[in-house]
Amino acid sequence: MHLLCDLIFIFCDIVSGFPILGIEWQKMENPDLRKAMGMKSDQKGVRIRRIEPTAPESGCMQPSDIILSFDGIDIANDGTGLL
């Protein structure tokens, strides 16, 4: 069903589907873990644990990178962000 809907949307220039970021991430709530990763005490974010080999992010991210913000939205240590 999803494939059929996606094909219809492709012909109509509408983007559809199930987007994924292609990463596994880890919460950074533990202050000792943040310190070990080189984060300042006032920084918040999440740690990249794994990247799907076929994900577009595999060319610019690597395991143990820290995501501090996404599209201008700060990421909290628990992975949430305020919109």
N, C-alpha and C. Protein backbone atom coordinates (compact mmCIF):
# COMPACT_ATOMS: atom_id res chain seq x y z
N MET A 1 0.83 -1.19 0.00
CA MET A 1 0.00 0.00 0.00
C MET A 1 0.87 1.26 0.00
N HIS A 2 1.92 1.26 0.85
CA HIS A 2 2.77 2.45 0.92
C HIS A 2 3.47 2.70 -0.40
N LEU A 3 3.92 1.64 -1.06
CA LEU A 3 4.60 1.80 -2.34
C LEU A 3 3.67 2.44 -3.36
N LEU A 4 2.45 1.98 -3.43
CA LEU A 4 1.48 2.54 -4.37
C LEU A 4 1.24 4.01 -4.09
N CYS A 5 1.04 4.34 -2.82
CA CYS A 5 0.84 5.75 -2.46
C CYS A 5 2.06 6.59 -2.82
N ASP A 6 3.25 6.07 -2.55
CA ASP A 6 4.48 6.80 -2.87
C ASP A 6 4.60 7.03 -4.37
N LEU A 7 4.26 6.03 -5.19
CA LEU A 7 4.34 6.19 -6.63
C LEU A 7 3.38 7.26 -7.12
N ILE A 8 2.19 7.30 -6.55
CA ILE A 8 1.23 8.34 -6.93
C ILE A 8 1.78 9.70 -6.57
N PHE A 9 2.35 9.83 -5.36
CA PHE A 9 2.90 11.11 -4.94
C PHE A 9 4.10 11.54 -5.78
N ILE A 10 4.91 10.59 -6.22
CA ILE A 10 6.07 10.92 -7.06
C ILE A 10 5.61 11.58 -8.36
N PHE A 11 4.59 11.03 -8.96
CA PHE A 11 4.09 11.59 -10.21
C PHE A 11 3.43 12.94 -10.01
N CYS A 12 3.03 13.25 -8.80
CA CYS A 12 2.37 14.53 -8.52
C CYS A 12 3.31 15.51 -7.83
N ASP A 13 4.61 15.20 -7.76
CA ASP A 13 5.62 16.04 -7.10
C ASP A 13 5.31 16.26 -5.62
N ILE A 14 4.81 15.26 -4.94
CA ILE A 14 4.56 15.32 -3.51
C ILE A 14 5.50 14.32 -2.84
N VAL A 15 6.21 14.78 -1.81
CA VAL A 15 7.14 13.92 -1.09
C VAL A 15 6.36 13.15 -0.03
N SER A 16 6.58 11.87 0.03
CA SER A 16 5.88 11.02 0.99
C SER A 16 6.85 9.97 1.51
N GLY A 17 6.40 9.15 2.41
CA GLY A 17 7.22 8.05 2.88
C GLY A 17 7.46 8.11 4.36
N PHE A 18 8.40 7.32 4.80
CA PHE A 18 8.74 7.22 6.21
C PHE A 18 10.19 7.66 6.37
N PRO A 19 10.44 8.93 6.64
CA PRO A 19 11.83 9.39 6.75
C PRO A 19 12.49 8.85 8.01
N ILE A 20 13.75 8.52 7.89
CA ILE A 20 14.55 8.12 9.04
C ILE A 20 15.87 8.86 8.96
N LEU A 21 16.47 9.06 10.10
CA LEU A 21 17.75 9.75 10.15
C LEU A 21 18.89 8.80 9.84
N GLY A 22 18.71 7.51 10.08
CA GLY A 22 19.76 6.54 9.76
C GLY A 22 20.83 6.41 10.81
N ILE A 23 20.50 6.81 12.04
CA ILE A 23 21.49 6.72 13.13
C ILE A 23 20.83 6.11 14.37
N GLU A 24 21.67 5.55 15.23
CA GLU A 24 21.27 5.20 16.60
C GLU A 24 21.98 6.19 17.50
N TRP A 25 21.28 6.71 18.49
CA TRP A 25 21.89 7.71 19.36
C TRP A 25 21.75 7.32 20.83
N GLN A 26 22.53 7.98 21.65
CA GLN A 26 22.58 7.71 23.09
C GLN A 26 22.32 9.00 23.85
N LYS A 27 21.51 8.91 24.89
CA LYS A 27 21.28 10.06 25.75
C LYS A 27 22.58 10.44 26.45
N MET A 28 22.74 11.72 26.72
CA MET A 28 23.95 12.21 27.39
C MET A 28 23.58 12.85 28.73
N GLU A 29 22.72 12.18 29.51
CA GLU A 29 22.25 12.73 30.78
C GLU A 29 23.29 12.60 31.90
N ASN A 30 24.24 11.71 31.76
CA ASN A 30 25.25 11.49 32.79
C ASN A 30 26.36 12.56 32.65
N PRO A 31 26.56 13.38 33.69
CA PRO A 31 27.59 14.43 33.61
C PRO A 31 29.00 13.89 33.36
N ASP A 32 29.30 12.71 33.91
CA ASP A 32 30.64 12.13 33.70
C ASP A 32 30.83 11.71 32.24
N LEU A 33 29.77 11.20 31.63
CA LEU A 33 29.85 10.83 30.21
C LEU A 33 30.04 12.07 29.35
N ARG A 34 29.31 13.14 29.65
CA ARG A 34 29.48 14.39 28.89
C ARG A 34 30.91 14.90 29.03
N LYS A 35 31.45 14.85 30.23
CA LYS A 35 32.83 15.30 30.46
C LYS A 35 33.81 14.44 29.68
N ALA A 36 33.61 13.11 29.71
CA ALA A 36 34.50 12.19 28.99
C ALA A 36 34.45 12.42 27.48
N MET A 37 33.32 12.89 26.97
CA MET A 37 33.18 13.16 25.54
C MET A 37 33.65 14.57 25.17
N GLY A 38 34.14 15.32 26.15
CA GLY A 38 34.70 16.64 25.88
C GLY A 38 33.66 17.75 25.80
N MET A 39 32.48 17.50 26.33
CA MET A 39 31.44 18.53 26.31
C MET A 39 31.63 19.47 27.49
N LYS A 40 31.30 20.73 27.26
CA LYS A 40 31.33 21.72 28.35
C LYS A 40 30.12 21.48 29.24
N SER A 41 30.17 21.98 30.47
CA SER A 41 29.09 21.73 31.43
C SER A 41 27.76 22.31 30.99
N ASP A 42 27.79 23.36 30.18
CA ASP A 42 26.53 23.99 29.73
C ASP A 42 26.04 23.45 28.38
N GLN A 43 26.79 22.54 27.77
CA GLN A 43 26.37 21.97 26.48
C GLN A 43 25.43 20.80 26.69
N LYS A 44 24.49 20.67 25.76
CA LYS A 44 23.55 19.56 25.78
C LYS A 44 23.52 18.93 24.41
N GLY A 45 23.16 17.66 24.34
CA GLY A 45 23.09 16.98 23.06
C GLY A 45 23.01 15.48 23.23
N VAL A 46 23.12 14.76 22.13
CA VAL A 46 23.11 13.29 22.14
C VAL A 46 24.32 12.78 21.36
N ARG A 47 24.75 11.58 21.70
CA ARG A 47 25.94 10.96 21.09
C ARG A 47 25.50 9.98 20.01
N ILE A 48 26.18 10.01 18.87
CA ILE A 48 25.93 9.05 17.80
C ILE A 48 26.56 7.72 18.20
N ARG A 49 25.75 6.67 18.25
CA ARG A 49 26.27 5.34 18.57
C ARG A 49 26.60 4.56 17.31
N ARG A 50 25.71 4.64 16.31
CA ARG A 50 25.87 3.86 15.08
C ARG A 50 25.21 4.60 13.92
N ILE A 51 25.79 4.46 12.74
CA ILE A 51 25.23 5.06 11.53
C ILE A 51 24.99 3.96 10.51
N GLU A 52 23.81 3.94 9.94
CA GLU A 52 23.51 2.97 8.88
C GLU A 52 24.49 3.19 7.73
N PRO A 53 25.12 2.14 7.22
CA PRO A 53 26.11 2.31 6.15
C PRO A 53 25.55 2.97 4.88
N THR A 54 24.26 2.79 4.62
CA THR A 54 23.66 3.37 3.41
C THR A 54 23.00 4.72 3.67
N ALA A 55 23.05 5.21 4.89
CA ALA A 55 22.43 6.49 5.22
C ALA A 55 23.26 7.64 4.65
N PRO A 56 22.59 8.69 4.20
CA PRO A 56 23.34 9.85 3.69
C PRO A 56 24.28 10.45 4.74
N GLU A 57 23.93 10.31 6.01
CA GLU A 57 24.75 10.85 7.09
C GLU A 57 26.09 10.15 7.24
N SER A 58 26.23 8.96 6.67
CA SER A 58 27.48 8.21 6.82
C SER A 58 28.67 8.95 6.22
N GLY A 59 28.42 9.89 5.33
CA GLY A 59 29.50 10.65 4.73
C GLY A 59 29.95 11.85 5.55
N CYS A 60 29.13 12.24 6.54
CA CYS A 60 29.49 13.45 7.29
C CYS A 60 29.46 13.25 8.81
N MET A 61 28.93 12.13 9.28
CA MET A 61 28.92 11.84 10.71
C MET A 61 29.64 10.53 10.97
N GLN A 62 30.11 10.38 12.21
CA GLN A 62 30.74 9.13 12.58
C GLN A 62 30.38 8.82 14.03
N PRO A 63 30.49 7.55 14.43
CA PRO A 63 30.18 7.20 15.81
C PRO A 63 30.99 8.04 16.79
N SER A 64 30.34 8.39 17.89
CA SER A 64 30.86 9.24 18.97
C SER A 64 30.76 10.72 18.67
N ASP A 65 30.28 11.12 17.49
CA ASP A 65 29.97 12.53 17.26
C ASP A 65 28.84 12.92 18.20
N ILE A 66 28.77 14.19 18.55
CA ILE A 66 27.71 14.71 19.41
C ILE A 66 26.85 15.66 18.58
N ILE A 67 25.53 15.44 18.61
CA ILE A 67 24.59 16.34 17.94
C ILE A 67 24.09 17.32 18.99
N LEU A 68 24.41 18.60 18.81
CA LEU A 68 24.00 19.64 19.75
C LEU A 68 22.69 20.30 19.33
N SER A 69 22.46 20.36 18.02
CA SER A 69 21.22 20.96 17.51
C SER A 69 20.89 20.34 16.17
N PHE A 70 19.63 20.49 15.78
CA PHE A 70 19.16 19.94 14.51
C PHE A 70 18.25 20.97 13.88
N ASP A 71 18.64 21.47 12.72
CA ASP A 71 17.86 22.48 11.99
C ASP A 71 17.58 23.70 12.87
N GLY A 72 18.58 24.10 13.65
CA GLY A 72 18.47 25.29 14.49
C GLY A 72 17.78 25.07 15.83
N ILE A 73 17.38 23.83 16.11
CA ILE A 73 16.70 23.52 17.38
C ILE A 73 17.68 22.80 18.29
N ASP A 74 17.91 23.36 19.49
CA ASP A 74 18.82 22.73 20.45
C ASP A 74 18.28 21.38 20.88
N ILE A 75 19.17 20.39 21.00
CA ILE A 75 18.82 19.05 21.44
C ILE A 75 19.21 18.90 22.90
N ALA A 76 18.27 18.47 23.73
CA ALA A 76 18.54 18.24 25.15
C ALA A 76 19.30 16.93 25.33
N ASN A 77 19.83 16.73 26.53
CA ASN A 77 20.60 15.52 26.82
C ASN A 77 19.76 14.24 26.72
N ASP A 78 18.43 14.39 26.80
CA ASP A 78 17.56 13.21 26.68
C ASP A 78 17.05 13.03 25.26
N GLY A 79 17.53 13.84 24.31
CA GLY A 79 17.15 13.71 22.91
C GLY A 79 15.93 14.51 22.50
N THR A 80 15.36 15.27 23.41
CA THR A 80 14.19 16.08 23.06
C THR A 80 14.63 17.46 22.61
N GLY A 81 13.71 18.17 22.00
CA GLY A 81 13.97 19.54 21.57
C GLY A 81 12.68 20.33 21.58
N LEU A 82 12.76 21.62 21.83
CA LEU A 82 11.57 22.46 21.83
C LEU A 82 11.35 23.04 20.44
N LEU A 83 10.14 22.90 19.95
CA LEU A 83 9.79 23.46 18.64
C LEU A 83 9.25 24.85 18.79
